[in-house]
Amino acid sequence: MVLRLNGAESVLPGAKRCKEHIIWQAASVQGIAPPLLYVDEGIQFLISTFIPSDLPSKRGLNRVCIKHAYDLLERCHQINLDVPSIDYFEHIEKYWQMIDSKANSPCPGLVAQRDQMQSLLKELGQGGGETGLCHHDPVVENFVGDCERLYLIDWEYAANGLLVMDYAALAVEWDLDEREIVKRTGMNPELTTMAISLYRYMCKLWEAATKDSNEAI
């Protein structure tokens, strides 16, 4: 068994945890996530089935592993649940509030991109991309098992959102070629490029928001 303790600091800015166990349970029914064994009434902790993990490092991931990662995300996107939608604008603004509260704020490099990324996000939202249940955090560490059978864990960021954002995250976190993402998913190439740029930007915001204020950014 695996005990998962939930802390407020692990939730995306502006997000709520009330639907996490519902999403996780639905994903486990579909064989996407390890089964949940117990959910605390106050959702302060979760207990799930332990899945031994024997994944190689990012550089050692093979084509079988990558295919399974795609498959898991695709199956996640097909789950039909009544869950909140992520507001990417609010998410970014919350990060900026955290950054602006630091002694060393502002961050010149990020400030220079701020208006551009807001315009890009608006364009991305108006681009007609498909929406559905997204995991939103498909880093290599959130996949457990081995290259023959993978599961996705850590569903606290999951919400309805733009499917292309999940694939953008996969591209960045798994070092996948953008053209491969487009070919494998059928996503619009321009939307994919924009989503990858936006994801990289949000990663930099997260680093700046969570970095010790005494460190140079």
C-alpha atoms as a PDB file:
ATOM      1  CA  MET A   1       0.000   0.000   0.000  1.00  0.00           C
ATOM      2  CA  VAL A   2       1.013   3.626  -0.575  1.00  0.00           C
ATOM      3  CA  LEU A   3       0.021   6.426   1.814  1.00  0.00           C
ATOM      4  CA  ARG A   4      -0.432   9.782   0.132  1.00  0.00           C
ATOM      5  CA  LEU A   5      -0.550  12.790   2.485  1.00  0.00           C
ATOM      6  CA  ASN A   6      -2.232  15.827   0.992  1.00  0.00           C
ATOM      7  CA  GLY A   7      -0.801  19.242   1.728  1.00  0.00           C
ATOM      8  CA  ALA A   8      -2.208  22.539   0.489  1.00  0.00           C
ATOM      9  CA  GLU A   9       1.172  23.464  -0.989  1.00  0.00           C
ATOM     10  CA  SER A  10       0.961  20.591  -3.484  1.00  0.00           C
ATOM     11  CA  VAL A  11      -2.169  21.906  -5.187  1.00  0.00           C
ATOM     12  CA  LEU A  12      -1.945  24.017  -8.313  1.00  0.00           C
ATOM     13  CA  PRO A  13      -2.665  27.696  -7.629  1.00  0.00           C
ATOM     14  CA  GLY A  14      -6.417  28.252  -7.849  1.00  0.00           C
ATOM     15  CA  ALA A  15      -7.178  24.529  -7.877  1.00  0.00           C
ATOM     16  CA  LYS A  16      -9.266  22.519  -5.432  1.00  0.00           C
ATOM     17  CA  ARG A  17      -8.655  18.978  -4.251  1.00  0.00           C
ATOM     18  CA  CYS A  18     -12.290  17.938  -3.712  1.00  0.00           C
ATOM     19  CA  LYS A  19     -12.529  15.969  -6.972  1.00  0.00           C
ATOM     20  CA  GLU A  20      -9.075  14.355  -6.925  1.00  0.00           C
ATOM     21  CA  HIS A  21     -10.182  11.048  -5.405  1.00  0.00           C
ATOM     22  CA  ILE A  22     -13.188  10.856  -7.756  1.00  0.00           C
ATOM     23  CA  ILE A  23     -10.927  11.312 -10.770  1.00  0.00           C
ATOM     24  CA  TRP A  24      -8.356   8.855  -9.415  1.00  0.00           C
ATOM     25  CA  GLN A  25     -11.062   6.270  -8.756  1.00  0.00           C
ATOM     26  CA  ALA A  26     -12.472   6.643 -12.272  1.00  0.00           C
ATOM     27  CA  ALA A  27      -8.965   6.328 -13.722  1.00  0.00           C
ATOM     28  CA  SER A  28      -8.318   3.191 -11.675  1.00  0.00           C
ATOM     29  CA  VAL A  29     -11.544   1.603 -12.939  1.00  0.00           C
ATOM     30  CA  GLN A  30     -10.198   2.137 -16.457  1.00  0.00           C
ATOM     31  CA  GLY A  31      -6.845   0.589 -15.506  1.00  0.00           C
ATOM     32  CA  ILE A  32      -5.053   3.912 -15.881  1.00  0.00           C
ATOM     33  CA  ALA A  33      -4.218   4.479 -12.206  1.00  0.00           C
ATOM     34  CA  PRO A  34      -3.447   2.135  -9.297  1.00  0.00           C
ATOM     35  CA  PRO A  35      -6.618   1.249  -7.341  1.00  0.00           C
ATOM     36  CA  LEU A  36      -7.534   3.513  -4.445  1.00  0.00           C
ATOM     37  CA  LEU A  37      -8.018   1.515  -1.240  1.00  0.00           C
ATOM     38  CA  TYR A  38      -9.084   4.262   1.152  1.00  0.00           C
ATOM     39  CA  VAL A  39      -9.951   7.964   1.062  1.00  0.00           C
ATOM     40  CA  ASP A  40      -9.954   9.993   4.270  1.00  0.00           C
ATOM     41  CA  GLU A  41     -13.261  11.787   4.849  1.00  0.00           C
ATOM     42  CA  GLY A  42     -11.493  15.137   4.932  1.00  0.00           C
ATOM     43  CA  ILE A  43      -9.336  14.100   1.959  1.00  0.00           C
ATOM     44  CA  GLN A  44      -6.219  14.675   4.066  1.00  0.00           C
ATOM     45  CA  PHE A  45      -4.773  11.392   2.880  1.00  0.00           C
ATOM     46  CA  LEU A  46      -5.308   8.636   0.336  1.00  0.00           C
ATOM     47  CA  ILE A  47      -4.173   5.015   0.343  1.00  0.00           C
ATOM     48  CA  SER A  48      -3.568   3.306  -2.980  1.00  0.00           C
ATOM     49  CA  THR A  49      -2.252  -0.031  -4.176  1.00  0.00           C
ATOM     50  CA  PHE A  50       1.527  -0.207  -4.355  1.00  0.00           C
ATOM     51  CA  ILE A  51       2.855  -0.678  -7.884  1.00  0.00           C
ATOM     52  CA  PRO A  52       6.550  -1.633  -8.079  1.00  0.00           C
ATOM     53  CA  SER A  53       8.305   0.733 -10.451  1.00  0.00           C
ATOM     54  CA  ASP A  54      11.253  -0.128 -12.630  1.00  0.00           C
ATOM     55  CA  LEU A  55      11.312   2.684 -15.168  1.00  0.00           C
ATOM     56  CA  PRO A  56      14.640   3.774 -16.634  1.00  0.00           C
ATOM     57  CA  SER A  57      15.796   7.373 -16.460  1.00  0.00           C
ATOM     58  CA  LYS A  58      14.361   9.838 -18.950  1.00  0.00           C
ATOM     59  CA  ARG A  59      17.227   9.256 -21.371  1.00  0.00           C
ATOM     60  CA  GLY A  60      16.699   5.490 -21.206  1.00  0.00           C
ATOM     61  CA  LEU A  61      12.976   5.486 -22.009  1.00  0.00           C
ATOM     62  CA  ASN A  62      12.280   3.251 -24.975  1.00  0.00           C
ATOM     63  CA  ARG A  63       9.581   3.310 -27.629  1.00  0.00           C
ATOM     64  CA  VAL A  64       7.415   0.836 -25.715  1.00  0.00           C
ATOM     65  CA  CYS A  65       7.376   3.072 -22.634  1.00  0.00           C
ATOM     66  CA  ILE A  66       6.567   6.129 -24.717  1.00  0.00           C
ATOM     67  CA  LYS A  67       3.710   4.347 -26.477  1.00  0.00           C
ATOM     68  CA  HIS A  68       2.207   3.325 -23.140  1.00  0.00           C
ATOM     69  CA  ALA A  69       2.472   6.917 -21.888  1.00  0.00           C
ATOM     70  CA  TYR A  70       0.554   8.156 -24.940  1.00  0.00           C
ATOM     71  CA  ASP A  71      -2.048   5.433 -24.456  1.00  0.00           C
ATOM     72  CA  LEU A  72      -2.620   6.338 -20.809  1.00  0.00           C
ATOM     73  CA  LEU A  73      -3.150  10.010 -21.621  1.00  0.00           C
ATOM     74  CA  GLU A  74      -5.509   9.162 -24.472  1.00  0.00           C
ATOM     75  CA  ARG A  75      -7.561   6.938 -22.185  1.00  0.00           C
ATOM     76  CA  CYS A  76      -7.582   9.629 -19.512  1.00  0.00           C
ATOM     77  CA  HIS A  77      -8.966  12.110 -22.042  1.00  0.00           C
ATOM     78  CA  GLN A  78     -11.849   9.747 -22.784  1.00  0.00           C
ATOM     79  CA  ILE A  79     -13.081   9.635 -19.177  1.00  0.00           C
ATOM     80  CA  ASN A  80     -16.368  11.498 -18.861  1.00  0.00           C
ATOM     81  CA  LEU A  81     -16.683  13.097 -15.410  1.00  0.00           C
ATOM     82  CA  ASP A  82     -18.365  16.181 -14.011  1.00  0.00           C
ATOM     83  CA  VAL A  83     -15.247  17.914 -12.705  1.00  0.00           C
ATOM     84  CA  PRO A  84     -14.098  21.560 -12.692  1.00  0.00           C
ATOM     85  CA  SER A  85     -12.269  23.074 -15.639  1.00  0.00           C
ATOM     86  CA  ILE A  86      -8.868  24.614 -15.136  1.00  0.00           C
ATOM     87  CA  ASP A  87      -8.609  28.347 -15.739  1.00  0.00           C
ATOM     88  CA  TYR A  88      -5.124  28.715 -17.201  1.00  0.00           C
ATOM     89  CA  PHE A  89      -5.298  32.521 -16.935  1.00  0.00           C
ATOM     90  CA  GLU A  90      -6.090  32.294 -13.214  1.00  0.00           C
ATOM     91  CA  HIS A  91      -3.412  29.656 -12.746  1.00  0.00           C
ATOM     92  CA  ILE A  92      -0.756  31.927 -14.261  1.00  0.00           C
ATOM     93  CA  GLU A  93      -2.000  34.947 -12.326  1.00  0.00           C
ATOM     94  CA  LYS A  94      -1.749  33.018  -9.035  1.00  0.00           C
ATOM     95  CA  TYR A  95       1.859  32.199  -9.842  1.00  0.00           C
ATOM     96  CA  TRP A  96       2.547  35.876 -10.483  1.00  0.00           C
ATOM     97  CA  GLN A  97       1.005  36.786  -7.135  1.00  0.00           C
ATOM     98  CA  MET A  98       3.395  34.334  -5.480  1.00  0.00           C
ATOM     99  CA  ILE A  99       6.354  35.730  -7.430  1.00  0.00           C
ATOM    100  CA  ASP A 100       5.444  39.361  -6.730  1.00  0.00           C
ATOM    101  CA  SER A 101       5.312  38.636  -2.996  1.00  0.00           C
ATOM    102  CA  LYS A 102       9.001  37.709  -2.954  1.00  0.00           C
ATOM    103  CA  ALA A 103      11.729  40.123  -1.960  1.00  0.00           C
ATOM    104  CA  ASN A 104      13.629  39.711  -5.240  1.00  0.00           C
ATOM    105  CA  SER A 105      10.579  40.207  -7.465  1.00  0.00           C
ATOM    106  CA  PRO A 106      10.098  40.971 -10.308  1.00  0.00           C
ATOM    107  CA  CYS A 107      11.877  38.485 -12.557  1.00  0.00           C
ATOM    108  CA  PRO A 108      12.967  40.462 -15.649  1.00  0.00           C
ATOM    109  CA  GLY A 109      13.043  37.501 -18.040  1.00  0.00           C
ATOM    110  CA  LEU A 110       9.559  36.331 -17.096  1.00  0.00           C
ATOM    111  CA  VAL A 111       8.124  39.838 -17.000  1.00  0.00           C
ATOM    112  CA  ALA A 112       9.304  40.376 -20.574  1.00  0.00           C
ATOM    113  CA  GLN A 113       7.302  37.344 -21.682  1.00  0.00           C
ATOM    114  CA  ARG A 114       4.186  38.103 -19.645  1.00  0.00           C
ATOM    115  CA  ASP A 115       2.092  39.959 -22.236  1.00  0.00           C
ATOM    116  CA  GLN A 116       3.236  37.687 -25.051  1.00  0.00           C
ATOM    117  CA  MET A 117       2.222  34.567 -23.138  1.00  0.00           C
ATOM    118  CA  GLN A 118      -1.148  36.039 -22.183  1.00  0.00           C
ATOM    119  CA  SER A 119      -1.808  36.680 -25.871  1.00  0.00           C
ATOM    120  CA  LEU A 120      -0.605  33.191 -26.757  1.00  0.00           C
ATOM    121  CA  LEU A 121      -2.913  31.626 -24.178  1.00  0.00           C
ATOM    122  CA  LYS A 122      -5.859  33.609 -25.500  1.00  0.00           C
ATOM    123  CA  GLU A 123      -5.054  32.460 -29.016  1.00  0.00           C
ATOM    124  CA  LEU A 124      -4.649  28.879 -27.835  1.00  0.00           C
ATOM    125  CA  GLY A 125      -8.027  28.968 -26.114  1.00  0.00           C
ATOM    126  CA  GLN A 126      -9.693  30.334 -29.223  1.00  0.00           C
ATOM    127  CA  GLY A 127      -7.984  27.859 -31.517  1.00  0.00           C
ATOM    128  CA  GLY A 128     -10.718  25.234 -31.282  1.00  0.00           C
ATOM    129  CA  GLY A 129      -8.552  22.633 -29.555  1.00  0.00           C
ATOM    130  CA  GLU A 130     -10.303  19.639 -28.017  1.00  0.00           C
ATOM    131  CA  THR A 131     -11.013  19.668 -24.308  1.00  0.00           C
ATOM    132  CA  GLY A 132     -11.500  16.860 -21.821  1.00  0.00           C
ATOM    133  CA  LEU A 133     -10.145  15.388 -18.615  1.00  0.00           C
ATOM    134  CA  CYS A 134      -6.412  16.168 -18.458  1.00  0.00           C
ATOM    135  CA  HIS A 135      -3.830  14.889 -15.991  1.00  0.00           C
ATOM    136  CA  HIS A 136      -1.772  18.093 -16.376  1.00  0.00           C
ATOM    137  CA  ASP A 137       1.373  16.633 -14.775  1.00  0.00           C
ATOM    138  CA  PRO A 138       2.657  13.722 -16.890  1.00  0.00           C
ATOM    139  CA  VAL A 139       6.250  13.961 -15.670  1.00  0.00           C
ATOM    140  CA  VAL A 140       8.209  10.718 -15.845  1.00  0.00           C
ATOM    141  CA  GLU A 141       8.039  10.394 -12.039  1.00  0.00           C
ATOM    142  CA  ASN A 142       4.232  10.227 -12.165  1.00  0.00           C
ATOM    143  CA  PHE A 143       4.307   6.999 -14.162  1.00  0.00           C
ATOM    144  CA  VAL A 144       4.869   3.787 -12.198  1.00  0.00           C
ATOM    145  CA  GLY A 145       5.311   0.208 -13.290  1.00  0.00           C
ATOM    146  CA  ASP A 146       7.605  -0.866 -16.075  1.00  0.00           C
ATOM    147  CA  CYS A 147       7.785  -0.477 -19.818  1.00  0.00           C
ATOM    148  CA  GLU A 148       5.353  -3.361 -20.294  1.00  0.00           C
ATOM    149  CA  ARG A 149       2.655  -1.953 -17.967  1.00  0.00           C
ATOM    150  CA  LEU A 150       2.422   1.641 -16.791  1.00  0.00           C
ATOM    151  CA  TYR A 151       0.062   3.454 -14.419  1.00  0.00           C
ATOM    152  CA  LEU A 152      -0.433   7.191 -13.837  1.00  0.00           C
ATOM    153  CA  ILE A 153      -0.374   8.518 -10.281  1.00  0.00           C
ATOM    154  CA  ASP A 154      -0.755  11.923  -8.578  1.00  0.00           C
ATOM    155  CA  TRP A 155      -4.069  13.245  -9.874  1.00  0.00           C
ATOM    156  CA  GLU A 156      -4.225  16.439  -7.810  1.00  0.00           C
ATOM    157  CA  TYR A 157      -3.717  18.625 -10.905  1.00  0.00           C
ATOM    158  CA  ALA A 158      -6.328  16.784 -12.991  1.00  0.00           C
ATOM    159  CA  ALA A 159      -9.194  18.858 -14.398  1.00  0.00           C
ATOM    160  CA  ASN A 160     -11.004  19.493 -17.619  1.00  0.00           C
ATOM    161  CA  GLY A 161      -8.672  21.368 -19.914  1.00  0.00           C
ATOM    162  CA  LEU A 162      -7.071  21.542 -23.333  1.00  0.00           C
ATOM    163  CA  LEU A 163      -5.892  18.088 -24.389  1.00  0.00           C
ATOM    164  CA  VAL A 164      -2.976  19.640 -26.229  1.00  0.00           C
ATOM    165  CA  MET A 165      -1.608  20.880 -22.876  1.00  0.00           C
ATOM    166  CA  ASP A 166      -1.190  17.288 -21.675  1.00  0.00           C
ATOM    167  CA  TYR A 167       0.732  16.421 -24.827  1.00  0.00           C
ATOM    168  CA  ALA A 168       2.799  19.597 -24.569  1.00  0.00           C
ATOM    169  CA  ALA A 169       3.790  18.577 -21.037  1.00  0.00           C
ATOM    170  CA  LEU A 170       4.608  15.066 -22.244  1.00  0.00           C
ATOM    171  CA  ALA A 171       6.788  16.483 -25.020  1.00  0.00           C
ATOM    172  CA  VAL A 172       8.773  18.649 -22.610  1.00  0.00           C
ATOM    173  CA  GLU A 173       9.022  16.219 -19.696  1.00  0.00           C
ATOM    174  CA  TRP A 174       9.832  13.158 -21.831  1.00  0.00           C
ATOM    175  CA  ASP A 175      12.098  15.000 -24.318  1.00  0.00           C
ATOM    176  CA  LEU A 176       9.866  14.061 -27.259  1.00  0.00           C
ATOM    177  CA  ASP A 177      10.093  15.658 -30.687  1.00  0.00           C
ATOM    178  CA  GLU A 178       7.231  18.053 -31.391  1.00  0.00           C
ATOM    179  CA  ARG A 179       6.671  16.504 -34.817  1.00  0.00           C
ATOM    180  CA  GLU A 180       6.273  13.105 -33.193  1.00  0.00           C
ATOM    181  CA  ILE A 181       3.587  14.507 -30.880  1.00  0.00           C
ATOM    182  CA  VAL A 182       1.657  15.912 -33.846  1.00  0.00           C
ATOM    183  CA  LYS A 183       1.958  12.689 -35.825  1.00  0.00           C
ATOM    184  CA  ARG A 184       0.944  10.482 -32.895  1.00  0.00           C
ATOM    185  CA  THR A 185      -1.984  12.595 -31.665  1.00  0.00           C
ATOM    186  CA  GLY A 186      -3.257  14.359 -34.768  1.00  0.00           C
ATOM    187  CA  MET A 187      -3.089  17.660 -32.888  1.00  0.00           C
ATOM    188  CA  ASN A 188      -2.941  20.913 -34.832  1.00  0.00           C
ATOM    189  CA  PRO A 189       0.786  21.694 -35.318  1.00  0.00           C
ATOM    190  CA  GLU A 190       0.403  25.413 -34.558  1.00  0.00           C
ATOM    191  CA  LEU A 191      -1.608  24.746 -31.384  1.00  0.00           C
ATOM    192  CA  THR A 192       0.976  22.165 -30.324  1.00  0.00           C
ATOM    193  CA  THR A 193       3.821  24.655 -30.754  1.00  0.00           C
ATOM    194  CA  MET A 194       1.915  27.267 -28.753  1.00  0.00           C
ATOM    195  CA  ALA A 195       1.049  24.779 -26.006  1.00  0.00           C
ATOM    196  CA  ILE A 196       4.673  23.691 -25.639  1.00  0.00           C
ATOM    197  CA  SER A 197       5.805  27.327 -25.356  1.00  0.00           C
ATOM    198  CA  LEU A 198       3.111  27.998 -22.776  1.00  0.00           C
ATOM    199  CA  TYR A 199       3.987  24.893 -20.763  1.00  0.00           C
ATOM    200  CA  ARG A 200       7.677  25.839 -20.667  1.00  0.00           C
ATOM    201  CA  TYR A 201       6.689  29.316 -19.502  1.00  0.00           C
ATOM    202  CA  MET A 202       4.462  27.931 -16.725  1.00  0.00           C
ATOM    203  CA  CYS A 203       7.298  25.672 -15.589  1.00  0.00           C
ATOM    204  CA  LYS A 204       9.542  28.730 -15.264  1.00  0.00           C
ATOM    205  CA  LEU A 205       6.798  30.524 -13.328  1.00  0.00           C
ATOM    206  CA  TRP A 206       6.511  27.555 -10.960  1.00  0.00           C
ATOM    207  CA  GLU A 207      10.273  27.547 -10.399  1.00  0.00           C
ATOM    208  CA  ALA A 208      10.269  31.275  -9.694  1.00  0.00           C
ATOM    209  CA  ALA A 209       7.202  31.072  -7.441  1.00  0.00           C
ATOM    210  CA  THR A 210       8.597  28.241  -5.328  1.00  0.00           C
ATOM    211  CA  LYS A 211      12.236  29.282  -5.250  1.00  0.00           C
ATOM    212  CA  ASP A 212      13.710  30.715  -2.068  1.00  0.00           C
ATOM    213  CA  SER A 213      13.402  34.474  -2.260  1.00  0.00           C
ATOM    214  CA  ASN A 214      17.056  34.812  -1.253  1.00  0.00           C
ATOM    215  CA  GLU A 215      18.203  33.008  -4.393  1.00  0.00           C
ATOM    216  CA  ALA A 216      18.803  34.756  -7.676  1.00  0.00           C
ATOM    217  CA  ILE A 217      16.184  33.942 -10.326  1.00  0.00           C
END
